Amino acid sequence: MNFLGIGPLELLLILVIAFVVLGPARLVSMARSIGKVVGELRNTVGEAASAMEEEEQHSSTSKSKSAEDAGGLAGIARTIGKGVAELRDTFGETTRAIEEEEKRAAPPTSEETKSTEEKR
């Protein structure tokens, strides 16, 4: 059993020296103080670890959710872009067809008549 890299014999030696230096009354109060500090340190480390795990889970779920949302939005944007491109193509074709029909249906202008006569 190692505690902070200190084996049982070394720990016993430290306790004996502390007993001699501090005396029995002060050794007990010092042990209580050290116990409280160690307990508070464990609680703080446990809370920090829990908070880090919770944040990691939250960030991973929010990342995957935001990635899904981004993927969904990208898909919607692509679909809209394709629809707009198709509308542009259809509009362009319709405009050309209307212009051609107008040219066929309209009587020839004087310039067109002259150019036709010159070609003959």
PDB file of N, CA and C in Angstrom:
ATOM      1  N   MET A   1       0.839  -1.174   0.000  1.00  0.00           N
ATOM      2  CA  MET A   1       0.000   0.000   0.000  1.00  0.00           C
ATOM      3  C   MET A   1       0.887   1.242   0.000  1.00  0.00           C
ATOM      4  N   ASN A   2       0.774   2.035  -1.027  1.00  0.00           N
ATOM      5  CA  ASN A   2       1.522   3.290  -1.123  1.00  0.00           C
ATOM      6  C   ASN A   2       0.554   4.456  -1.036  1.00  0.00           C
ATOM      7  N   PHE A   3       0.890   5.425  -0.239  1.00  0.00           N
ATOM      8  CA  PHE A   3       0.097   6.630  -0.113  1.00  0.00           C
ATOM      9  C   PHE A   3       0.985   7.797  -0.505  1.00  0.00           C
ATOM     10  N   LEU A   4       0.695   8.384  -1.686  1.00  0.00           N
ATOM     11  CA  LEU A   4       1.504   9.474  -2.239  1.00  0.00           C
ATOM     12  C   LEU A   4       2.962   9.073  -2.392  1.00  0.00           C
ATOM     13  N   GLY A   5       3.187   7.835  -2.763  1.00  0.00           N
ATOM     14  CA  GLY A   5       4.551   7.365  -2.967  1.00  0.00           C
ATOM     15  C   GLY A   5       5.285   7.035  -1.672  1.00  0.00           C
ATOM     16  N   ILE A   6       4.542   6.989  -0.557  1.00  0.00           N
ATOM     17  CA  ILE A   6       5.155   6.679   0.740  1.00  0.00           C
ATOM     18  C   ILE A   6       4.659   5.311   1.187  1.00  0.00           C
ATOM     19  N   GLY A   7       5.580   4.446   1.479  1.00  0.00           N
ATOM     20  CA  GLY A   7       5.224   3.101   1.924  1.00  0.00           C
ATOM     21  C   GLY A   7       4.801   3.102   3.392  1.00  0.00           C
ATOM     22  N   PRO A   8       4.337   1.939   3.897  1.00  0.00           N
ATOM     23  CA  PRO A   8       3.850   1.873   5.287  1.00  0.00           C
ATOM     24  C   PRO A   8       4.946   2.135   6.324  1.00  0.00           C
ATOM     25  N   LEU A   9       6.159   1.650   6.102  1.00  0.00           N
ATOM     26  CA  LEU A   9       7.227   1.881   7.073  1.00  0.00           C
ATOM     27  C   LEU A   9       7.626   3.359   7.117  1.00  0.00           C
ATOM     28  N   GLU A  10       7.672   3.983   5.972  1.00  0.00           N
ATOM     29  CA  GLU A  10       8.018   5.403   5.951  1.00  0.00           C
ATOM     30  C   GLU A  10       6.945   6.236   6.640  1.00  0.00           C
ATOM     31  N   LEU A  11       5.674   5.877   6.423  1.00  0.00           N
ATOM     32  CA  LEU A  11       4.568   6.583   7.066  1.00  0.00           C
ATOM     33  C   LEU A  11       4.635   6.425   8.589  1.00  0.00           C
ATOM     34  N   LEU A  12       4.947   5.223   9.046  1.00  0.00           N
ATOM     35  CA  LEU A  12       5.083   4.978  10.487  1.00  0.00           C
ATOM     36  C   LEU A  12       6.219   5.814  11.069  1.00  0.00           C
ATOM     37  N   LEU A  13       7.314   5.900  10.376  1.00  0.00           N
ATOM     38  CA  LEU A  13       8.438   6.715  10.831  1.00  0.00           C
ATOM     39  C   LEU A  13       8.053   8.197  10.934  1.00  0.00           C
ATOM     40  N   ILE A  14       7.310   8.702   9.943  1.00  0.00           N
ATOM     41  CA  ILE A  14       6.863  10.105   9.978  1.00  0.00           C
ATOM     42  C   ILE A  14       5.937  10.332  11.166  1.00  0.00           C
ATOM     43  N   LEU A  15       5.027   9.383  11.430  1.00  0.00           N
ATOM     44  CA  LEU A  15       4.110   9.524  12.567  1.00  0.00           C
ATOM     45  C   LEU A  15       4.855   9.518  13.910  1.00  0.00           C
ATOM     46  N   VAL A  16       5.849   8.678  14.048  1.00  0.00           N
ATOM     47  CA  VAL A  16       6.637   8.631  15.293  1.00  0.00           C
ATOM     48  C   VAL A  16       7.374   9.953  15.495  1.00  0.00           C
ATOM     49  N   ILE A  17       7.971  10.472  14.442  1.00  0.00           N
ATOM     50  CA  ILE A  17       8.691  11.753  14.560  1.00  0.00           C
ATOM     51  C   ILE A  17       7.709  12.874  14.910  1.00  0.00           C
ATOM     52  N   ALA A  18       6.540  12.885  14.258  1.00  0.00           N
ATOM     53  CA  ALA A  18       5.535  13.904  14.556  1.00  0.00           C
ATOM     54  C   ALA A  18       5.060  13.784  15.995  1.00  0.00           C
ATOM     55  N   PHE A  19       4.913  12.553  16.525  1.00  0.00           N
ATOM     56  CA  PHE A  19       4.476  12.342  17.912  1.00  0.00           C
ATOM     57  C   PHE A  19       5.505  12.907  18.877  1.00  0.00           C
ATOM     58  N   VAL A  20       6.760  12.709  18.579  1.00  0.00           N
ATOM     59  CA  VAL A  20       7.832  13.200  19.456  1.00  0.00           C
ATOM     60  C   VAL A  20       7.902  14.725  19.409  1.00  0.00           C
ATOM     61  N   VAL A  21       7.816  15.296  18.196  1.00  0.00           N
ATOM     62  CA  VAL A  21       7.963  16.744  18.040  1.00  0.00           C
ATOM     63  C   VAL A  21       6.727  17.492  18.552  1.00  0.00           C
ATOM     64  N   LEU A  22       5.540  17.041  18.184  1.00  0.00           N
ATOM     65  CA  LEU A  22       4.320  17.769  18.504  1.00  0.00           C
ATOM     66  C   LEU A  22       3.718  17.397  19.859  1.00  0.00           C
ATOM     67  N   GLY A  23       3.915  16.215  20.277  1.00  0.00           N
ATOM     68  CA  GLY A  23       3.283  15.746  21.514  1.00  0.00           C
ATOM     69  C   GLY A  23       1.923  15.155  21.190  1.00  0.00           C
ATOM     70  N   PRO A  24       1.384  14.399  22.162  1.00  0.00           N
ATOM     71  CA  PRO A  24       0.137  13.675  21.900  1.00  0.00           C
ATOM     72  C   PRO A  24      -1.066  14.599  21.672  1.00  0.00           C
ATOM     73  N   ALA A  25      -1.193  15.688  22.381  1.00  0.00           N
ATOM     74  CA  ALA A  25      -2.374  16.558  22.247  1.00  0.00           C
ATOM     75  C   ALA A  25      -2.372  17.270  20.897  1.00  0.00           C
ATOM     76  N   ARG A  26      -1.286  17.836  20.540  1.00  0.00           N
ATOM     77  CA  ARG A  26      -1.213  18.564  19.271  1.00  0.00           C
ATOM     78  C   ARG A  26      -1.234  17.621  18.078  1.00  0.00           C
ATOM     79  N   LEU A  27      -0.739  16.404  18.230  1.00  0.00           N
ATOM     80  CA  LEU A  27      -0.748  15.425  17.131  1.00  0.00           C
ATOM     81  C   LEU A  27      -2.173  15.067  16.741  1.00  0.00           C
ATOM     82  N   VAL A  28      -3.060  14.914  17.736  1.00  0.00           N
ATOM     83  CA  VAL A  28      -4.461  14.573  17.455  1.00  0.00           C
ATOM     84  C   VAL A  28      -5.140  15.729  16.701  1.00  0.00           C
ATOM     85  N   SER A  29      -4.959  16.955  17.177  1.00  0.00           N
ATOM     86  CA  SER A  29      -5.591  18.096  16.504  1.00  0.00           C
ATOM     87  C   SER A  29      -5.009  18.291  15.099  1.00  0.00           C
ATOM     88  N   MET A  30      -3.727  18.052  14.944  1.00  0.00           N
ATOM     89  CA  MET A  30      -3.083  18.156  13.618  1.00  0.00           C
ATOM     90  C   MET A  30      -3.632  17.082  12.686  1.00  0.00           C
ATOM     91  N   ALA A  31      -3.858  15.880  13.186  1.00  0.00           N
ATOM     92  CA  ALA A  31      -4.402  14.791  12.366  1.00  0.00           C
ATOM     93  C   ALA A  31      -5.820  15.128  11.915  1.00  0.00           C
ATOM     94  N   ARG A  32      -6.619  15.715  12.830  1.00  0.00           N
ATOM     95  CA  ARG A  32      -7.976  16.132  12.450  1.00  0.00           C
ATOM     96  C   ARG A  32      -7.925  17.181  11.341  1.00  0.00           C
ATOM     97  N   SER A  33      -7.055  18.170  11.499  1.00  0.00           N
ATOM     98  CA  SER A  33      -6.935  19.228  10.491  1.00  0.00           C
ATOM     99  C   SER A  33      -6.511  18.657   9.145  1.00  0.00           C
ATOM    100  N   ILE A  34      -5.548  17.779   9.175  1.00  0.00           N
ATOM    101  CA  ILE A  34      -5.086  17.153   7.929  1.00  0.00           C
ATOM    102  C   ILE A  34      -6.203  16.317   7.310  1.00  0.00           C
ATOM    103  N   GLY A  35      -6.943  15.596   8.147  1.00  0.00           N
ATOM    104  CA  GLY A  35      -8.071  14.792   7.649  1.00  0.00           C
ATOM    105  C   GLY A  35      -9.136  15.650   6.982  1.00  0.00           C
ATOM    106  N   LYS A  36      -9.451  16.809   7.603  1.00  0.00           N
ATOM    107  CA  LYS A  36     -10.439  17.718   7.009  1.00  0.00           C
ATOM    108  C   LYS A  36      -9.950  18.251   5.664  1.00  0.00           C
ATOM    109  N   VAL A  37      -8.687  18.655   5.621  1.00  0.00           N
ATOM    110  CA  VAL A  37      -8.133  19.192   4.369  1.00  0.00           C
ATOM    111  C   VAL A  37      -8.152  18.128   3.280  1.00  0.00           C
ATOM    112  N   VAL A  38      -7.765  16.909   3.623  1.00  0.00           N
ATOM    113  CA  VAL A  38      -7.766  15.825   2.630  1.00  0.00           C
ATOM    114  C   VAL A  38      -9.189  15.543   2.163  1.00  0.00           C
ATOM    115  N   GLY A  39     -10.154  15.529   3.094  1.00  0.00           N
ATOM    116  CA  GLY A  39     -11.558  15.305   2.722  1.00  0.00           C
ATOM    117  C   GLY A  39     -12.081  16.389   1.795  1.00  0.00           C
ATOM    118  N   GLU A  40     -11.791  17.653   2.119  1.00  0.00           N
ATOM    119  CA  GLU A  40     -12.221  18.754   1.262  1.00  0.00           C
ATOM    120  C   GLU A  40     -11.557  18.679  -0.109  1.00  0.00           C
ATOM    121  N   LEU A  41     -10.296  18.294  -0.129  1.00  0.00           N
ATOM    122  CA  LEU A  41      -9.575  18.149  -1.392  1.00  0.00           C
ATOM    123  C   LEU A  41     -10.197  17.055  -2.248  1.00  0.00           C
ATOM    124  N   ARG A  42     -10.560  15.936  -1.626  1.00  0.00           N
ATOM    125  CA  ARG A  42     -11.215  14.847  -2.375  1.00  0.00           C
ATOM    126  C   ARG A  42     -12.553  15.311  -2.943  1.00  0.00           C
ATOM    127  N   ASN A  43     -13.343  16.017  -2.108  1.00  0.00           N
ATOM    128  CA  ASN A  43     -14.636  16.512  -2.594  1.00  0.00           C
ATOM    129  C   ASN A  43     -14.463  17.473  -3.762  1.00  0.00           C
ATOM    130  N   THR A  44     -13.499  18.372  -3.644  1.00  0.00           N
ATOM    131  CA  THR A  44     -13.255  19.341  -4.708  1.00  0.00           C
ATOM    132  C   THR A  44     -12.814  18.651  -5.997  1.00  0.00           C
ATOM    133  N   VAL A  45     -11.916  17.686  -5.875  1.00  0.00           N
ATOM    134  CA  VAL A  45     -11.455  16.940  -7.049  1.00  0.00           C
ATOM    135  C   VAL A  45     -12.610  16.149  -7.665  1.00  0.00           C
ATOM    136  N   GLY A  46     -13.449  15.545  -6.818  1.00  0.00           N
ATOM    137  CA  GLY A  46     -14.605  14.797  -7.325  1.00  0.00           C
ATOM    138  C   GLY A  46     -15.587  15.694  -8.056  1.00  0.00           C
ATOM    139  N   GLU A  47     -15.860  16.874  -7.486  1.00  0.00           N
ATOM    140  CA  GLU A  47     -16.767  17.816  -8.143  1.00  0.00           C
ATOM    141  C   GLU A  47     -16.191  18.302  -9.471  1.00  0.00           C
ATOM    142  N   ALA A  48     -14.899  18.583  -9.475  1.00  0.00           N
ATOM    143  CA  ALA A  48     -14.257  19.038 -10.719  1.00  0.00           C
ATOM    144  C   ALA A  48     -14.313  17.950 -11.788  1.00  0.00           C
ATOM    145  N   ALA A  49     -14.070  16.704 -11.379  1.00  0.00           N
ATOM    146  CA  ALA A  49     -14.117  15.599 -12.337  1.00  0.00           C
ATOM    147  C   ALA A  49     -15.534  15.427 -12.879  1.00  0.00           C
ATOM    148  N   SER A  50     -16.536  15.525 -11.995  1.00  0.00           N
ATOM    149  CA  SER A  50     -17.933  15.408 -12.436  1.00  0.00           C
ATOM    150  C   SER A  50     -18.287  16.528 -13.403  1.00  0.00           C
ATOM    151  N   ALA A  51     -17.861  17.743 -13.071  1.00  0.00           N
ATOM    152  CA  ALA A  51     -18.155  18.881 -13.945  1.00  0.00           C
ATOM    153  C   ALA A  51     -17.494  18.707 -15.308  1.00  0.00           C
ATOM    154  N   MET A  52     -16.267  18.203 -15.317  1.00  0.00           N
ATOM    155  CA  MET A  52     -15.569  17.997 -16.590  1.00  0.00           C
ATOM    156  C   MET A  52     -16.263  16.919 -17.421  1.00  0.00           C
ATOM    157  N   GLU A  53     -16.683  15.820 -16.781  1.00  0.00           N
ATOM    158  CA  GLU A  53     -17.380  14.757 -17.505  1.00  0.00           C
ATOM    159  C   GLU A  53     -18.702  15.268 -18.062  1.00  0.00           C
ATOM    160  N   GLU A  54     -19.415  16.030 -17.245  1.00  0.00           N
ATOM    161  CA  GLU A  54     -20.696  16.580 -17.684  1.00  0.00           C
ATOM    162  C   GLU A  54     -20.502  17.525 -18.862  1.00  0.00           C
ATOM    163  N   GLU A  55     -19.499  18.366 -18.790  1.00  0.00           N
ATOM    164  CA  GLU A  55     -19.213  19.293 -19.883  1.00  0.00           C
ATOM    165  C   GLU A  55     -18.795  18.544 -21.147  1.00  0.00           C
ATOM    166  N   GLU A  56     -18.021  17.485 -20.976  1.00  0.00           N
ATOM    167  CA  GLU A  56     -17.594  16.683 -22.131  1.00  0.00           C
ATOM    168  C   GLU A  56     -18.794  16.035 -22.803  1.00  0.00           C
ATOM    169  N   GLN A  57     -19.708  15.481 -21.998  1.00  0.00           N
ATOM    170  CA  GLN A  57     -20.908  14.872 -22.568  1.00  0.00           C
ATOM    171  C   GLN A  57     -21.765  15.924 -23.257  1.00  0.00           C
ATOM    172  N   HIS A  58     -21.892  17.071 -22.625  1.00  0.00           N
ATOM    173  CA  HIS A  58     -22.704  18.141 -23.207  1.00  0.00           C
ATOM    174  C   HIS A  58     -22.095  18.630 -24.512  1.00  0.00           C
ATOM    175  N   SER A  59     -20.773  18.807 -24.528  1.00  0.00           N
ATOM    176  CA  SER A  59     -20.130  19.303 -25.744  1.00  0.00           C
ATOM    177  C   SER A  59     -20.185  18.265 -26.862  1.00  0.00           C
ATOM    178  N   SER A  60     -20.053  16.990 -26.522  1.00  0.00           N
ATOM    179  CA  SER A  60     -20.104  15.974 -27.581  1.00  0.00           C
ATOM    180  C   SER A  60     -21.512  15.857 -28.147  1.00  0.00           C
ATOM    181  N   THR A  61     -22.540  15.953 -27.292  1.00  0.00           N
ATOM    182  CA  THR A  61     -23.904  15.881 -27.821  1.00  0.00           C
ATOM    183  C   THR A  61     -24.249  17.141 -28.589  1.00  0.00           C
ATOM    184  N   SER A  62     -23.782  18.304 -28.108  1.00  0.00           N
ATOM    185  CA  SER A  62     -24.087  19.537 -28.841  1.00  0.00           C
ATOM    186  C   SER A  62     -23.315  19.585 -30.151  1.00  0.00           C
ATOM    187  N   LYS A  63     -22.088  19.018 -30.184  1.00  0.00           N
ATOM    188  CA  LYS A  63     -21.327  18.977 -31.434  1.00  0.00           C
ATOM    189  C   LYS A  63     -22.024  18.090 -32.447  1.00  0.00           C
ATOM    190  N   SER A  64     -22.465  16.903 -31.982  1.00  0.00           N
ATOM    191  CA  SER A  64     -23.122  16.006 -32.928  1.00  0.00           C
ATOM    192  C   SER A  64     -24.452  16.583 -33.364  1.00  0.00           C
ATOM    193  N   LYS A  65     -25.162  17.241 -32.439  1.00  0.00           N
ATOM    194  CA  LYS A  65     -26.436  17.838 -32.801  1.00  0.00           C
ATOM    195  C   LYS A  65     -26.225  19.000 -33.758  1.00  0.00           C
ATOM    196  N   SER A  66     -25.214  19.843 -33.477  1.00  0.00           N
ATOM    197  CA  SER A  66     -24.958  20.965 -34.380  1.00  0.00           C
ATOM    198  C   SER A  66     -24.461  20.456 -35.732  1.00  0.00           C
ATOM    199  N   ALA A  67     -23.709  19.349 -35.735  1.00  0.00           N
ATOM    200  CA  ALA A  67     -23.260  18.770 -37.001  1.00  0.00           C
ATOM    201  C   ALA A  67     -24.460  18.249 -37.789  1.00  0.00           C
ATOM    202  N   GLU A  68     -25.403  17.594 -37.078  1.00  0.00           N
ATOM    203  CA  GLU A  68     -26.607  17.115 -37.746  1.00  0.00           C
ATOM    204  C   GLU A  68     -27.411  18.283 -38.283  1.00  0.00           C
ATOM    205  N   ASP A  69     -27.547  19.339 -37.446  1.00  0.00           N
ATOM    206  CA  ASP A  69     -28.277  20.517 -37.892  1.00  0.00           C
ATOM    207  C   ASP A  69     -27.602  21.146 -39.093  1.00  0.00           C
ATOM    208  N   ALA A  70     -26.279  21.253 -39.044  1.00  0.00           N
ATOM    209  CA  ALA A  70     -25.544  21.837 -40.159  1.00  0.00           C
ATOM    210  C   ALA A  70     -25.700  20.982 -41.409  1.00  0.00           C
ATOM    211  N   GLY A  71     -25.639  19.664 -41.242  1.00  0.00           N
ATOM    212  CA  GLY A  71     -25.824  18.772 -42.383  1.00  0.00           C
ATOM    213  C   GLY A  71     -27.216  18.914 -42.965  1.00  0.00           C
ATOM    214  N   GLY A  72     -28.214  19.024 -42.088  1.00  0.00           N
ATOM    215  CA  GLY A  72     -29.588  19.211 -42.545  1.00  0.00           C
ATOM    216  C   GLY A  72     -29.761  20.534 -43.257  1.00  0.00           C
ATOM    217  N   LEU A  73     -29.171  21.572 -42.685  1.00  0.00           N
ATOM    218  CA  LEU A  73     -29.264  22.893 -43.312  1.00  0.00           C
ATOM    219  C   LEU A  73     -28.520  22.922 -44.640  1.00  0.00           C
ATOM    220  N   ALA A  74     -27.393  22.243 -44.702  1.00  0.00           N
ATOM    221  CA  ALA A  74     -26.643  22.191 -45.954  1.00  0.00           C
ATOM    222  C   ALA A  74     -27.455  21.470 -47.026  1.00  0.00           C
ATOM    223  N   GLY A  75     -28.117  20.403 -46.632  1.00  0.00           N
ATOM    224  CA  GLY A  75     -28.971  19.674 -47.581  1.00  0.00           C
ATOM    225  C   GLY A  75     -30.117  20.535 -48.082  1.00  0.00           C
ATOM    226  N   ILE A  76     -30.718  21.278 -47.176  1.00  0.00           N
ATOM    227  CA  ILE A  76     -31.802  22.174 -47.571  1.00  0.00           C
ATOM    228  C   ILE A  76     -31.279  23.246 -48.520  1.00  0.00           C
ATOM    229  N   ALA A  77     -30.106  23.792 -48.202  1.00  0.00           N
ATOM    230  CA  ALA A  77     -29.518  24.827 -49.056  1.00  0.00           C
ATOM    231  C   ALA A  77     -29.218  24.269 -50.446  1.00  0.00           C
ATOM    232  N   ARG A  78     -28.701  23.034 -50.511  1.00  0.00           N
ATOM    233  CA  ARG A  78     -28.424  22.424 -51.820  1.00  0.00           C
ATOM    234  C   ARG A  78     -29.721  22.239 -52.609  1.00  0.00           C
ATOM    235  N   THR A  79     -30.769  21.777 -51.937  1.00  0.00           N
ATOM    236  CA  THR A  79     -32.048  21.566 -52.613  1.00  0.00           C
ATOM    237  C   THR A  79     -32.599  22.880 -53.141  1.00  0.00           C
ATOM    238  N   ILE A  80     -32.511  23.913 -52.319  1.00  0.00           N
ATOM    239  CA  ILE A  80     -32.989  25.222 -52.767  1.00  0.00           C
ATOM    240  C   ILE A  80     -32.150  25.722 -53.932  1.00  0.00           C
ATOM    241  N   GLY A  81     -30.837  25.537 -53.845  1.00  0.00           N
ATOM    242  CA  GLY A  81     -29.955  25.958 -54.936  1.00  0.00           C
ATOM    243  C   GLY A  81     -30.289  25.246 -56.236  1.00  0.00           C
ATOM    244  N   LYS A  82     -30.551  23.937 -56.163  1.00  0.00           N
ATOM    245  CA  LYS A  82     -30.923  23.187 -57.369  1.00  0.00           C
ATOM    246  C   LYS A  82     -32.247  23.699 -57.927  1.00  0.00           C
ATOM    247  N   GLY A  83     -33.194  23.963 -57.024  1.00  0.00           N
ATOM    248  CA  GLY A  83     -34.493  24.480 -57.472  1.00  0.00           C
ATOM    249  C   GLY A  83     -34.355  25.828 -58.159  1.00  0.00           C
ATOM    250  N   VAL A  84     -33.536  26.706 -57.598  1.00  0.00           N
ATOM    251  CA  VAL A  84     -33.312  28.026 -58.202  1.00  0.00           C
ATOM    252  C   VAL A  84     -32.647  27.868 -59.567  1.00  0.00           C
ATOM    253  N   ALA A  85     -31.677  26.972 -59.671  1.00  0.00           N
ATOM    254  CA  ALA A  85     -31.003  26.754 -60.962  1.00  0.00           C
ATOM    255  C   ALA A  85     -31.994  26.237 -62.000  1.00  0.00           C
ATOM    256  N   GLU A  86     -32.862  25.303 -61.603  1.00  0.00           N
ATOM    257  CA  GLU A  86     -33.862  24.786 -62.534  1.00  0.00           C
ATOM    258  C   GLU A  86     -34.826  25.886 -62.970  1.00  0.00           C
ATOM    259  N   LEU A  87     -35.215  26.739 -62.009  1.00  0.00           N
ATOM    260  CA  LEU A  87     -36.107  27.848 -62.365  1.00  0.00           C
ATOM    261  C   LEU A  87     -35.440  28.809 -63.341  1.00  0.00           C
ATOM    262  N   ARG A  88     -34.147  29.089 -63.122  1.00  0.00           N
ATOM    263  CA  ARG A  88     -33.418  29.969 -64.047  1.00  0.00           C
ATOM    264  C   ARG A  88     -33.382  29.361 -65.449  1.00  0.00           C
ATOM    265  N   ASP A  89     -33.078  28.056 -65.509  1.00  0.00           N
ATOM    266  CA  ASP A  89     -33.029  27.388 -66.813  1.00  0.00           C
ATOM    267  C   ASP A  89     -34.391  27.440 -67.502  1.00  0.00           C
ATOM    268  N   THR A  90     -35.425  27.133 -66.747  1.00  0.00           N
ATOM    269  CA  THR A  90     -36.776  27.143 -67.313  1.00  0.00           C
ATOM    270  C   THR A  90     -37.165  28.545 -67.761  1.00  0.00           C
ATOM    271  N   PHE A  91     -36.832  29.539 -66.945  1.00  0.00           N
ATOM    272  CA  PHE A  91     -37.136  30.924 -67.305  1.00  0.00           C
ATOM    273  C   PHE A  91     -36.394  31.332 -68.573  1.00  0.00           C
ATOM    274  N   GLY A  92     -35.117  30.945 -68.649  1.00  0.00           N
ATOM    275  CA  GLY A  92     -34.337  31.269 -69.840  1.00  0.00           C
ATOM    276  C   GLY A  92     -34.910  30.609 -71.078  1.00  0.00           C
ATOM    277  N   GLU A  93     -35.286  29.340 -70.993  1.00  0.00           N
ATOM    278  CA  GLU A  93     -35.869  28.633 -72.131  1.00  0.00           C
ATOM    279  C   GLU A  93     -37.195  29.255 -72.534  1.00  0.00           C
ATOM    280  N   THR A  94     -38.002  29.599 -71.529  1.00  0.00           N
ATOM    281  CA  THR A  94     -39.303  30.210 -71.818  1.00  0.00           C
ATOM    282  C   THR A  94     -39.130  31.561 -72.494  1.00  0.00           C
ATOM    283  N   THR A  95     -38.193  32.340 -72.002  1.00  0.00           N
ATOM    284  CA  THR A  95     -37.936  33.663 -72.600  1.00  0.00           C
ATOM    285  C   THR A  95     -37.493  33.517 -74.048  1.00  0.00           C
ATOM    286  N   ARG A  96     -36.596  32.582 -74.331  1.00  0.00           N
ATOM    287  CA  ARG A  96     -36.141  32.369 -75.706  1.00  0.00           C
ATOM    288  C   ARG A  96     -37.297  31.898 -76.599  1.00  0.00           C
ATOM    289  N   ALA A  97     -38.128  30.996 -76.072  1.00  0.00           N
ATOM    290  CA  ALA A  97     -39.255  30.499 -76.867  1.00  0.00           C
ATOM    291  C   ALA A  97     -40.237  31.625 -77.178  1.00  0.00           C
ATOM    292  N   ILE A  98     -40.488  32.487 -76.215  1.00  0.00           N
ATOM    293  CA  ILE A  98     -41.403  33.614 -76.442  1.00  0.00           C
ATOM    294  C   ILE A  98     -40.824  34.563 -77.487  1.00  0.00           C
ATOM    295  N   GLU A  99     -39.528  34.852 -77.381  1.00  0.00           N
ATOM    296  CA  GLU A  99     -38.894  35.745 -78.362  1.00  0.00           C
ATOM    297  C   GLU A  99     -38.966  35.163 -79.762  1.00  0.00           C
ATOM    298  N   GLU A 100     -38.755  33.855 -79.885  1.00  0.00           N
ATOM    299  CA  GLU A 100     -38.833  33.209 -81.204  1.00  0.00           C
ATOM    300  C   GLU A 100     -40.247  33.275 -81.757  1.00  0.00           C
ATOM    301  N   GLU A 101     -41.236  33.040 -80.919  1.00  0.00           N
ATOM    302  CA  GLU A 101     -42.631  33.094 -81.368  1.00  0.00           C
ATOM    303  C   GLU A 101     -43.016  34.512 -81.769  1.00  0.00           C
ATOM    304  N   GLU A 102     -42.521  35.491 -81.022  1.00  0.00           N
ATOM    305  CA  GLU A 102     -42.821  36.883 -81.375  1.00  0.00           C
ATOM    306  C   GLU A 102     -42.216  37.225 -82.726  1.00  0.00           C
ATOM    307  N   LYS A 103     -41.003  36.733 -82.990  1.00  0.00           N
ATOM    308  CA  LYS A 103     -40.366  37.006 -84.279  1.00  0.00           C
ATOM    309  C   LYS A 103     -41.156  36.370 -85.420  1.00  0.00           C
ATOM    310  N   ARG A 104     -41.640  35.158 -85.221  1.00  0.00           N
ATOM    311  CA  ARG A 104     -42.401  34.470 -86.268  1.00  0.00           C
ATOM    312  C   ARG A 104     -43.755  35.131 -86.494  1.00  0.00           C
ATOM    313  N   ALA A 105     -44.395  35.537 -85.413  1.00  0.00           N
ATOM    314  CA  ALA A 105     -45.751  36.077 -85.523  1.00  0.00           C
ATOM    315  C   ALA A 105     -45.772  37.522 -85.978  1.00  0.00           C
ATOM    316  N   ALA A 106     -44.741  38.271 -85.729  1.00  0.00           N
ATOM    317  CA  ALA A 106     -44.722  39.690 -86.087  1.00  0.00           C
ATOM    318  C   ALA A 106     -44.467  39.842 -87.573  1.00  0.00           C
ATOM    319  N   PRO A 107     -45.114  40.847 -88.166  1.00  0.00           N
ATOM    320  CA  PRO A 107     -44.819  41.101 -89.589  1.00  0.00           C
ATOM    321  C   PRO A 107     -43.397  41.606 -89.731  1.00  0.00           C
ATOM    322  N   PRO A 108     -42.781  41.323 -90.822  1.00  0.00           N
ATOM    323  CA  PRO A 108     -41.388  41.749 -91.000  1.00  0.00           C
ATOM    324  C   PRO A 108     -41.277  43.272 -91.009  1.00  0.00           C
ATOM    325  N   THR A 109     -40.237  43.771 -90.395  1.00  0.00           N
ATOM    326  CA  THR A 109     -39.996  45.210 -90.376  1.00  0.00           C
ATOM    327  C   THR A 109     -39.401  45.626 -91.710  1.00  0.00           C
ATOM    328  N   SER A 110     -39.324  46.907 -91.918  1.00  0.00           N
ATOM    329  CA  SER A 110     -38.804  47.407 -93.191  1.00  0.00           C
ATOM    330  C   SER A 110     -37.339  47.017 -93.361  1.00  0.00           C
ATOM    331  N   GLU A 111     -36.586  46.997 -92.291  1.00  0.00           N
ATOM    332  CA  GLU A 111     -35.169  46.613 -92.376  1.00  0.00           C
ATOM    333  C   GLU A 111     -35.027  45.142 -92.733  1.00  0.00           C
ATOM    334  N   GLU A 112     -35.884  44.295 -92.143  1.00  0.00           N
ATOM    335  CA  GLU A 112     -35.830  42.870 -92.445  1.00  0.00           C
ATOM    336  C   GLU A 112     -36.215  42.623 -93.897  1.00  0.00           C
ATOM    337  N   THR A 113     -37.207  43.406 -94.374  1.00  0.00           N
ATOM    338  CA  THR A 113     -37.640  43.248 -95.758  1.00  0.00           C
ATOM    339  C   THR A 113     -36.519  43.634 -96.707  1.00  0.00           C
ATOM    340  N   LYS A 114     -35.819  44.723 -96.411  1.00  0.00           N
ATOM    341  CA  LYS A 114     -34.716  45.170 -97.247  1.00  0.00           C
ATOM    342  C   LYS A 114     -33.596  44.143 -97.262  1.00  0.00           C
ATOM    343  N   SER A 115     -33.250  43.584 -96.065  1.00  0.00           N
ATOM    344  CA  SER A 115     -32.151  42.616 -96.010  1.00  0.00           C
ATOM    345  C   SER A 115     -32.547  41.341 -96.739  1.00  0.00           C
ATOM    346  N   THR A 116     -33.842  40.976 -96.718  1.00  0.00           N
ATOM    347  CA  THR A 116     -34.301  39.775 -97.406  1.00  0.00           C
ATOM    348  C   THR A 116     -34.224  40.008 -98.919  1.00  0.00           C
ATOM    349  N   GLU A 117     -34.610  41.202 -99.375  1.00  0.00           N
ATOM    350  CA  GLU A 117     -34.582  41.509-100.789  1.00  0.00           C
ATOM    351  C   GLU A 117     -33.145  41.570-101.293  1.00  0.00           C
ATOM    352  N   GLU A 118     -32.228  42.074-100.466  1.00  0.00           N
ATOM    353  CA  GLU A 118     -30.839  42.174-100.872  1.00  0.00           C
ATOM    354  C   GLU A 118     -30.224  40.799-101.039  1.00  0.00           C
ATOM    355  N   LYS A 119     -30.650  39.858-100.246  1.00  0.00           N
ATOM    356  CA  LYS A 119     -30.110  38.500-100.304  1.00  0.00           C
ATOM    357  C   LYS A 119     -30.554  37.811-101.589  1.00  0.00           C
ATOM    358  N   ARG A 120     -31.703  38.171-102.115  1.00  0.00           N
ATOM    359  CA  ARG A 120     -32.214  37.530-103.332  1.00  0.00           C
ATOM    360  C   ARG A 120     -31.449  38.043-104.466  1.00  0.00           C
TER     361      ARG A 120
END
